[in-house]
Structures are given as structure tokens and as C-alpha cells.
Amino acid sequence: MDSQHHSKLFKRIKAKLLEKLREMRGGIASRVKSAIFEIFEESQLPRIDFQSSPAEINSWKSDQRVKDAYHKLFDVFSEDRTYVQVILERVWKSKKRISNMHIAWGVAIAQLFLNPDVKGIMISENLLKKQIKINFVSILLKIVILRYK
């Protein structure tokens, strides 16, 4: 095999891996959004269809119940667990321990999905990456603070 063949093979493998990763991310985002609706229930958070028109989505995003849900993400839900903790537990219910990166990722999806300042309900990769970085740094800072208390 020559280097050109290796290069083509590598590109095919990389493309398939990226496609699989995007599928996994989409699946996790869907599970986070489903968990949000389960936890907040319809009286606290109106449903939105992901096939809704931009006008319907804008109307949903400006609904006071959506704003309230966004602001409650880090409030206590039950038994000293926040809404976002319960959401993450439902998303990764089969895991005993969730990695800090998965926590940052799940929290970012919930934040961006409910944030009234973020237009739409489909989250761009760039916006998601920025929020994950912010959340991950926040998690690491909390770990450091707890260690040195």
C-alpha cells in the first residue's frame, strides 16, 4: 500500500467516525430535550414540535414558562438535586458515574435549548462548543475549590 492509498483510507474512516459522532450527539441532545419536557411537565413548560415554524419557535422561546424553566435549571428540584441534575440522571440513567465532559455537554444543551436569547431550538455546533467550554471550566473550578476547602 502506498501513502496515497493510506490517505484515502484515513479520510474514509475519519468521515465515518465523524458521522457516527454527530449521530451520537444528536441522540444525546434529543434525550436531554425529552428529559426537560418530562421534568417540567406541560403546565410548567409548553411543548414544542421540532418541525415547528420559525414563528412558532420564536413564540415558544418568548413564553414566560420557557424563561422560567431556563432560570430554574440550577434551582433545587427535589432531595437537594437541581433540575439539571435530574435531567442528566435521566439522560445517562445507565451510567453510575457521568464524566465531567458529559455533564458540561448535557448542561450546555439544556441551557441553549431553553435560553430565550438563543434563537431557534436547533443548536449550532459552534454555540454548543462555546457553552461546553464555559461549563467544563466551571466544573473544574468547583472541583479545585472543593479540594482546597
Protein backbone atom coordinates (compact mmCIF):
# COMPACT_ATOMS: atom_id res chain seq x y z
CA MET A 1 0.00 0.00 0.00
CA ASP A 2 1.27 3.40 -0.88
CA SER A 3 0.81 6.62 1.09
CA GLN A 4 -1.90 7.86 -1.27
CA HIS A 5 -3.99 4.75 -0.54
CA HIS A 6 -3.43 5.25 3.21
CA SER A 7 -4.55 8.85 2.91
CA LYS A 8 -7.77 7.89 1.11
CA LEU A 9 -8.46 5.14 3.62
CA PHE A 10 -7.85 7.53 6.52
CA LYS A 11 -10.25 10.10 5.02
CA ARG A 12 -12.99 7.47 4.62
CA ILE A 13 -12.54 6.24 8.18
CA LYS A 14 -12.48 9.80 9.52
CA ALA A 15 -15.67 10.67 7.63
CA LYS A 16 -17.47 7.61 9.01
CA LEU A 17 -16.29 8.34 12.57
CA LEU A 18 -17.41 11.98 12.33
CA GLU A 19 -20.81 10.87 11.03
CA LYS A 20 -21.18 8.41 13.93
CA LEU A 21 -20.15 11.10 16.43
CA ARG A 22 -22.75 13.51 15.04
CA GLU A 23 -25.42 10.79 15.34
CA MET A 24 -24.44 10.19 18.96
CA ARG A 25 -24.52 13.93 19.73
CA GLY A 26 -27.94 14.23 18.14
CA GLY A 27 -29.18 11.31 20.20
CA ILE A 28 -27.91 12.85 23.42
CA ALA A 29 -29.41 16.23 22.53
CA SER A 30 -32.78 14.56 21.89
CA ARG A 31 -32.61 12.73 25.22
CA VAL A 32 -31.75 15.97 27.06
CA LYS A 33 -34.69 17.76 25.43
CA SER A 34 -37.06 14.86 26.20
CA ALA A 35 -35.90 14.81 29.84
CA ILE A 36 -36.52 18.57 30.08
CA PHE A 37 -40.13 18.11 28.98
CA GLU A 38 -40.63 15.15 31.34
CA ILE A 39 -39.34 17.03 34.36
CA PHE A 40 -41.01 20.36 33.76
CA GLU A 41 -44.32 18.86 32.61
CA GLU A 42 -46.67 20.71 30.30
CA SER A 43 -48.08 23.05 32.96
CA GLN A 44 -44.58 24.44 33.58
CA LEU A 45 -43.20 24.18 30.06
CA PRO A 46 -45.29 24.12 26.89
CA ARG A 47 -44.38 21.51 24.29
CA ILE A 48 -42.72 22.47 21.04
CA ASP A 49 -42.55 20.34 17.94
CA PHE A 50 -39.12 20.28 16.37
CA GLN A 51 -40.78 20.70 12.98
CA SER A 52 -42.44 23.95 14.10
CA SER A 53 -42.20 27.08 12.02
CA PRO A 54 -39.72 29.81 12.98
CA ALA A 55 -42.65 31.98 14.13
CA GLU A 56 -43.94 29.20 16.43
CA ILE A 57 -40.45 28.63 17.81
CA ASN A 58 -39.97 32.36 18.47
CA SER A 59 -43.33 32.46 20.22
CA TRP A 60 -42.36 29.42 22.33
CA LYS A 61 -38.97 30.93 23.22
CA SER A 62 -40.65 34.17 24.37
CA ASP A 63 -43.24 32.32 26.52
CA GLN A 64 -42.76 33.19 30.21
CA ARG A 65 -42.88 29.49 31.15
CA VAL A 66 -39.85 28.79 28.93
CA LYS A 67 -37.99 31.70 30.53
CA ASP A 68 -38.95 30.41 33.99
CA ALA A 69 -37.73 26.89 33.12
CA TYR A 70 -34.43 28.33 31.90
CA HIS A 71 -33.95 30.24 35.16
CA LYS A 72 -34.89 27.17 37.25
CA LEU A 73 -32.25 24.84 35.73
CA PHE A 74 -29.95 25.26 38.74
CA ASP A 75 -32.70 25.55 41.37
CA VAL A 76 -33.47 22.66 43.69
CA PHE A 77 -35.97 20.23 42.18
CA SER A 78 -36.15 17.61 44.93
CA GLU A 79 -33.95 15.96 47.55
CA ASP A 80 -31.21 18.58 47.19
CA ARG A 81 -30.88 17.84 43.46
CA THR A 82 -31.27 20.60 40.91
CA TYR A 83 -33.44 20.38 37.83
CA VAL A 84 -30.35 19.99 35.64
CA GLN A 85 -29.01 17.16 37.82
CA VAL A 86 -32.29 15.28 37.44
CA ILE A 87 -32.22 15.90 33.67
CA LEU A 88 -28.68 14.48 33.43
CA GLU A 89 -29.62 11.47 35.56
CA ARG A 90 -32.44 10.67 33.15
CA VAL A 91 -30.23 11.10 30.09
CA TRP A 92 -27.47 8.86 31.44
CA LYS A 93 -29.55 6.60 33.68
CA SER A 94 -27.50 3.53 32.80
CA LYS A 95 -24.24 5.10 33.99
CA LYS A 96 -23.21 5.06 37.63
CA ARG A 97 -20.84 7.97 37.10
CA ILE A 98 -21.07 10.67 34.46
CA SER A 99 -17.82 12.23 33.21
CA ASN A 100 -17.27 15.95 33.68
CA MET A 101 -17.31 16.39 29.90
CA HIS A 102 -20.70 14.65 29.62
CA ILE A 103 -22.01 16.88 32.41
CA ALA A 104 -20.74 20.01 30.63
CA TRP A 105 -22.28 18.76 27.36
CA GLY A 106 -25.69 17.90 28.82
CA VAL A 107 -25.91 21.15 30.77
CA ALA A 108 -24.95 23.13 27.65
CA ILE A 109 -27.73 21.52 25.63
CA ALA A 110 -30.31 22.29 28.33
CA GLN A 111 -29.07 25.88 28.70
CA LEU A 112 -29.04 26.64 24.99
CA PHE A 113 -32.35 24.90 24.28
CA LEU A 114 -34.23 26.92 26.92
CA ASN A 115 -32.27 30.18 26.66
CA PRO A 116 -34.65 32.85 25.35
CA ASP A 117 -31.72 34.81 23.91
CA VAL A 118 -30.72 31.89 21.66
CA LYS A 119 -32.85 31.90 18.55
CA GLY A 120 -34.30 28.59 17.47
CA ILE A 121 -34.25 25.18 19.11
CA MET A 122 -31.65 23.54 16.90
CA ILE A 123 -28.28 24.24 18.50
CA SER A 124 -25.32 25.11 16.29
CA GLU A 125 -22.07 23.26 16.80
CA ASN A 126 -20.12 26.49 17.42
CA LEU A 127 -22.53 27.72 20.08
CA LEU A 128 -22.54 24.30 21.72
CA LYS A 129 -18.73 24.15 21.79
CA LYS A 130 -18.52 27.59 23.44
CA GLN A 131 -21.04 26.67 26.12
CA ILE A 132 -19.39 23.29 26.78
CA LYS A 133 -16.04 25.05 27.34
CA ILE A 134 -17.64 27.51 29.76
CA ASN A 135 -19.37 24.71 31.65
CA PHE A 136 -16.30 22.48 31.73
CA VAL A 137 -14.11 25.27 33.16
CA SER A 138 -16.82 25.99 35.74
CA ILE A 139 -16.90 22.31 36.76
CA LEU A 140 -13.10 22.17 37.06
CA LEU A 141 -13.05 25.36 39.16
CA LYS A 142 -15.64 23.89 41.53
CA ILE A 143 -13.54 20.73 41.87
CA VAL A 144 -10.42 22.79 42.69
CA ILE A 145 -12.33 24.92 45.21
CA LEU A 146 -13.77 21.87 46.93
CA ARG A 147 -10.33 20.26 47.13
CA TYR A 148 -8.79 23.23 48.89
CA LYS A 149 -11.59 23.97 51.36
